N, C-alpha and C. Protein backbone atom coordinates (compact mmCIF):
# COMPACT_ATOMS: atom_id res chain seq x y z
N MET A 1 -31.62 18.67 -50.30
CA MET A 1 -30.61 17.66 -50.48
C MET A 1 -31.02 16.43 -49.66
N PRO A 2 -30.90 15.20 -50.21
CA PRO A 2 -31.30 14.00 -49.47
C PRO A 2 -30.30 13.66 -48.36
N GLU A 3 -30.81 13.07 -47.28
CA GLU A 3 -29.97 12.65 -46.14
C GLU A 3 -29.71 11.15 -46.23
N SER A 4 -28.52 10.76 -45.83
CA SER A 4 -28.19 9.34 -45.84
C SER A 4 -28.77 8.67 -44.60
N LYS A 5 -28.96 7.37 -44.70
CA LYS A 5 -29.56 6.63 -43.60
C LYS A 5 -28.58 6.48 -42.43
N GLY A 6 -27.32 6.35 -42.70
CA GLY A 6 -26.34 6.14 -41.63
C GLY A 6 -26.23 4.66 -41.29
N ARG A 7 -25.34 4.34 -40.43
CA ARG A 7 -25.13 2.95 -40.05
C ARG A 7 -26.05 2.56 -38.90
N ALA A 8 -26.31 1.27 -38.82
CA ALA A 8 -27.12 0.77 -37.71
C ALA A 8 -26.25 0.76 -36.44
N LYS A 9 -26.81 1.22 -35.36
CA LYS A 9 -26.08 1.27 -34.09
C LYS A 9 -26.04 -0.12 -33.47
N ASN A 10 -24.88 -0.51 -33.00
CA ASN A 10 -24.70 -1.79 -32.35
C ASN A 10 -24.45 -1.52 -30.87
N ASP A 11 -25.16 -2.23 -30.01
CA ASP A 11 -25.03 -2.00 -28.57
C ASP A 11 -23.68 -2.45 -28.04
N LYS A 12 -23.13 -3.47 -28.62
CA LYS A 12 -21.84 -3.96 -28.15
C LYS A 12 -20.73 -3.10 -28.73
N LYS A 13 -19.74 -2.86 -27.90
CA LYS A 13 -18.58 -2.12 -28.37
C LYS A 13 -17.69 -3.05 -29.18
N ARG A 14 -16.91 -2.50 -30.01
CA ARG A 14 -16.09 -3.30 -30.90
C ARG A 14 -15.06 -4.14 -30.14
N TYR A 15 -14.39 -3.52 -29.22
CA TYR A 15 -13.35 -4.22 -28.45
C TYR A 15 -13.71 -4.20 -26.98
N GLN A 16 -14.72 -4.93 -26.63
CA GLN A 16 -15.15 -4.94 -25.24
C GLN A 16 -14.32 -5.96 -24.46
N LEU A 17 -13.68 -5.49 -23.42
CA LEU A 17 -12.85 -6.36 -22.59
C LEU A 17 -13.66 -6.86 -21.41
N GLU A 18 -13.33 -8.06 -20.98
CA GLU A 18 -13.98 -8.59 -19.80
C GLU A 18 -13.42 -7.89 -18.57
N PRO A 19 -14.25 -7.72 -17.55
CA PRO A 19 -13.71 -7.09 -16.33
C PRO A 19 -12.65 -7.97 -15.69
N ALA A 20 -11.65 -7.34 -15.14
CA ALA A 20 -10.54 -8.07 -14.51
C ALA A 20 -11.06 -8.81 -13.28
N ARG A 21 -10.66 -10.05 -13.17
CA ARG A 21 -11.05 -10.84 -12.02
C ARG A 21 -10.02 -10.67 -10.93
N LYS A 22 -10.49 -10.44 -9.74
CA LYS A 22 -9.59 -10.26 -8.62
C LYS A 22 -9.17 -11.62 -8.08
N LYS A 23 -7.87 -11.75 -7.86
CA LYS A 23 -7.36 -12.99 -7.28
C LYS A 23 -7.60 -12.95 -5.78
N LYS A 24 -8.03 -14.05 -5.27
CA LYS A 24 -8.20 -14.14 -3.83
C LYS A 24 -6.87 -14.58 -3.23
N THR A 25 -6.23 -13.68 -2.52
CA THR A 25 -4.96 -14.00 -1.91
C THR A 25 -5.14 -14.10 -0.40
N LYS A 26 -4.41 -15.01 0.16
CA LYS A 26 -4.46 -15.17 1.60
C LYS A 26 -3.59 -14.09 2.24
N PRO A 27 -4.02 -13.55 3.35
CA PRO A 27 -3.14 -12.60 4.04
C PRO A 27 -1.93 -13.34 4.61
N PRO A 28 -0.80 -12.63 4.74
CA PRO A 28 0.39 -13.31 5.28
C PRO A 28 0.19 -13.69 6.75
N LYS A 29 1.00 -14.61 7.18
CA LYS A 29 0.93 -15.05 8.57
C LYS A 29 1.25 -13.89 9.51
N ARG A 30 0.83 -14.02 10.73
CA ARG A 30 0.98 -12.95 11.72
C ARG A 30 2.46 -12.68 12.04
N TRP A 31 3.30 -13.67 11.91
CA TRP A 31 4.72 -13.54 12.26
C TRP A 31 5.55 -13.01 11.11
N TYR A 32 4.97 -12.88 9.90
CA TYR A 32 5.76 -12.57 8.71
C TYR A 32 6.34 -11.15 8.76
N ALA A 33 5.54 -10.16 9.08
CA ALA A 33 6.02 -8.77 9.10
C ALA A 33 7.11 -8.57 10.15
N PRO A 34 6.94 -9.05 11.39
CA PRO A 34 8.05 -8.89 12.35
C PRO A 34 9.31 -9.63 11.92
N ALA A 35 9.17 -10.76 11.26
CA ALA A 35 10.36 -11.50 10.81
C ALA A 35 11.11 -10.71 9.73
N VAL A 36 10.37 -10.11 8.81
CA VAL A 36 11.00 -9.33 7.75
C VAL A 36 11.72 -8.11 8.33
N LEU A 37 11.07 -7.44 9.25
CA LEU A 37 11.71 -6.27 9.88
C LEU A 37 12.92 -6.68 10.71
N SER A 38 12.86 -7.86 11.32
CA SER A 38 14.01 -8.35 12.09
C SER A 38 15.20 -8.64 11.18
N VAL A 39 14.95 -9.19 10.01
CA VAL A 39 16.04 -9.46 9.06
C VAL A 39 16.70 -8.15 8.63
N MET A 40 15.87 -7.15 8.35
CA MET A 40 16.43 -5.85 7.96
C MET A 40 17.22 -5.23 9.10
N GLY A 41 16.69 -5.33 10.32
CA GLY A 41 17.39 -4.79 11.48
C GLY A 41 18.70 -5.52 11.74
N LEU A 42 18.71 -6.83 11.54
CA LEU A 42 19.94 -7.60 11.71
C LEU A 42 21.00 -7.15 10.71
N GLY A 43 20.57 -6.84 9.48
CA GLY A 43 21.51 -6.34 8.48
C GLY A 43 22.14 -5.02 8.90
N VAL A 44 21.33 -4.14 9.47
CA VAL A 44 21.86 -2.85 9.94
C VAL A 44 22.83 -3.08 11.09
N VAL A 45 22.50 -3.97 12.01
CA VAL A 45 23.37 -4.25 13.16
C VAL A 45 24.70 -4.84 12.68
N VAL A 46 24.66 -5.73 11.71
CA VAL A 46 25.90 -6.33 11.18
C VAL A 46 26.80 -5.25 10.58
N ILE A 47 26.21 -4.31 9.83
CA ILE A 47 27.01 -3.25 9.22
C ILE A 47 27.61 -2.33 10.28
N VAL A 48 26.82 -1.96 11.28
CA VAL A 48 27.33 -1.07 12.33
C VAL A 48 28.44 -1.76 13.12
N LEU A 49 28.24 -3.02 13.48
CA LEU A 49 29.28 -3.74 14.23
C LEU A 49 30.54 -3.96 13.38
N ASN A 50 30.37 -4.06 12.08
CA ASN A 50 31.52 -4.19 11.19
C ASN A 50 32.36 -2.91 11.23
N TYR A 51 31.71 -1.77 11.17
CA TYR A 51 32.46 -0.52 11.19
C TYR A 51 33.02 -0.19 12.57
N MET A 52 32.43 -0.75 13.61
CA MET A 52 33.00 -0.57 14.95
C MET A 52 34.14 -1.56 15.19
N ALA A 53 34.29 -2.53 14.32
CA ALA A 53 35.35 -3.56 14.37
C ALA A 53 35.27 -4.37 15.66
N VAL A 54 34.07 -4.75 16.04
CA VAL A 54 33.91 -5.55 17.25
C VAL A 54 33.42 -6.96 16.96
N LEU A 55 33.28 -7.31 15.71
CA LEU A 55 32.86 -8.67 15.38
C LEU A 55 34.01 -9.63 15.66
N PRO A 56 33.74 -10.76 16.30
CA PRO A 56 34.83 -11.64 16.74
C PRO A 56 35.60 -12.30 15.59
N PHE A 57 34.96 -12.60 14.49
CA PHE A 57 35.62 -13.35 13.42
C PHE A 57 36.34 -12.46 12.41
N THR A 58 36.40 -11.14 12.64
CA THR A 58 37.06 -10.25 11.69
C THR A 58 38.46 -9.87 12.15
N GLY A 59 38.83 -10.22 13.34
CA GLY A 59 40.18 -9.93 13.83
C GLY A 59 40.40 -8.45 14.11
N GLY A 60 39.38 -7.73 14.49
CA GLY A 60 39.53 -6.32 14.82
C GLY A 60 39.63 -5.40 13.62
N GLN A 61 39.30 -5.87 12.45
CA GLN A 61 39.35 -5.05 11.25
C GLN A 61 37.99 -5.09 10.56
N THR A 62 37.73 -4.06 9.78
CA THR A 62 36.50 -4.07 8.98
C THR A 62 36.74 -4.91 7.74
N LYS A 63 35.76 -5.71 7.40
CA LYS A 63 35.86 -6.60 6.25
C LYS A 63 34.76 -6.25 5.24
N GLY A 64 35.13 -6.30 3.99
CA GLY A 64 34.16 -6.01 2.93
C GLY A 64 33.08 -7.05 2.81
N ILE A 65 33.44 -8.31 3.07
CA ILE A 65 32.46 -9.39 2.93
C ILE A 65 31.36 -9.26 3.99
N VAL A 66 31.73 -8.75 5.16
CA VAL A 66 30.73 -8.57 6.21
C VAL A 66 29.79 -7.43 5.83
N LEU A 67 30.32 -6.40 5.19
CA LEU A 67 29.47 -5.32 4.69
C LEU A 67 28.47 -5.85 3.67
N TRP A 68 28.92 -6.68 2.76
CA TRP A 68 28.03 -7.25 1.76
C TRP A 68 26.99 -8.18 2.39
N LEU A 69 27.39 -8.86 3.45
CA LEU A 69 26.45 -9.70 4.17
C LEU A 69 25.33 -8.85 4.78
N GLY A 70 25.69 -7.76 5.40
CA GLY A 70 24.69 -6.86 5.98
C GLY A 70 23.78 -6.26 4.92
N LEU A 71 24.38 -5.84 3.80
CA LEU A 71 23.56 -5.28 2.72
C LEU A 71 22.65 -6.35 2.12
N GLY A 72 23.13 -7.58 2.06
CA GLY A 72 22.30 -8.67 1.56
C GLY A 72 21.11 -8.95 2.46
N LEU A 73 21.33 -8.86 3.78
CA LEU A 73 20.22 -9.05 4.72
C LEU A 73 19.19 -7.93 4.58
N ILE A 74 19.65 -6.70 4.41
CA ILE A 74 18.72 -5.59 4.21
C ILE A 74 17.94 -5.78 2.91
N PHE A 75 18.63 -6.20 1.85
CA PHE A 75 17.96 -6.43 0.57
C PHE A 75 16.93 -7.55 0.68
N ALA A 76 17.28 -8.62 1.39
CA ALA A 76 16.34 -9.72 1.59
C ALA A 76 15.11 -9.25 2.36
N GLY A 77 15.32 -8.36 3.32
CA GLY A 77 14.19 -7.80 4.05
C GLY A 77 13.28 -6.97 3.15
N PHE A 78 13.89 -6.16 2.28
CA PHE A 78 13.08 -5.37 1.35
C PHE A 78 12.32 -6.27 0.38
N MET A 79 12.95 -7.34 -0.07
CA MET A 79 12.25 -8.27 -0.95
C MET A 79 11.09 -8.94 -0.22
N GLY A 80 11.28 -9.19 1.06
CA GLY A 80 10.23 -9.80 1.86
C GLY A 80 9.05 -8.87 2.11
N THR A 81 9.29 -7.56 2.05
CA THR A 81 8.17 -6.63 2.29
C THR A 81 7.17 -6.65 1.16
N MET A 82 7.52 -7.24 0.02
CA MET A 82 6.56 -7.33 -1.08
C MET A 82 5.41 -8.27 -0.74
N GLY A 83 5.60 -9.16 0.19
CA GLY A 83 4.55 -10.09 0.57
C GLY A 83 3.62 -9.55 1.65
N ILE A 84 3.94 -8.40 2.22
CA ILE A 84 3.11 -7.83 3.27
C ILE A 84 2.01 -6.99 2.64
N ARG A 85 0.78 -7.22 3.05
CA ARG A 85 -0.33 -6.43 2.50
C ARG A 85 -0.96 -5.61 3.58
């Protein structure tokens, strides 16, 4: 039985992608990581002082807005950790 010739082999792949280029990013400043951790720590302190009812502007009561302020500071700190490498 006769054999077929087959297709010619091509060295290039059909869908060859270019290698990904790495972006050159600058490292964050030396003060950035301590500042982010300080913001998160401040948020925790605000929440604890709110539940102890010792904040001067709350009138001796726990306030929901102060809780949200503390949670917002913690969230801002977590968002800031994305810039730390």
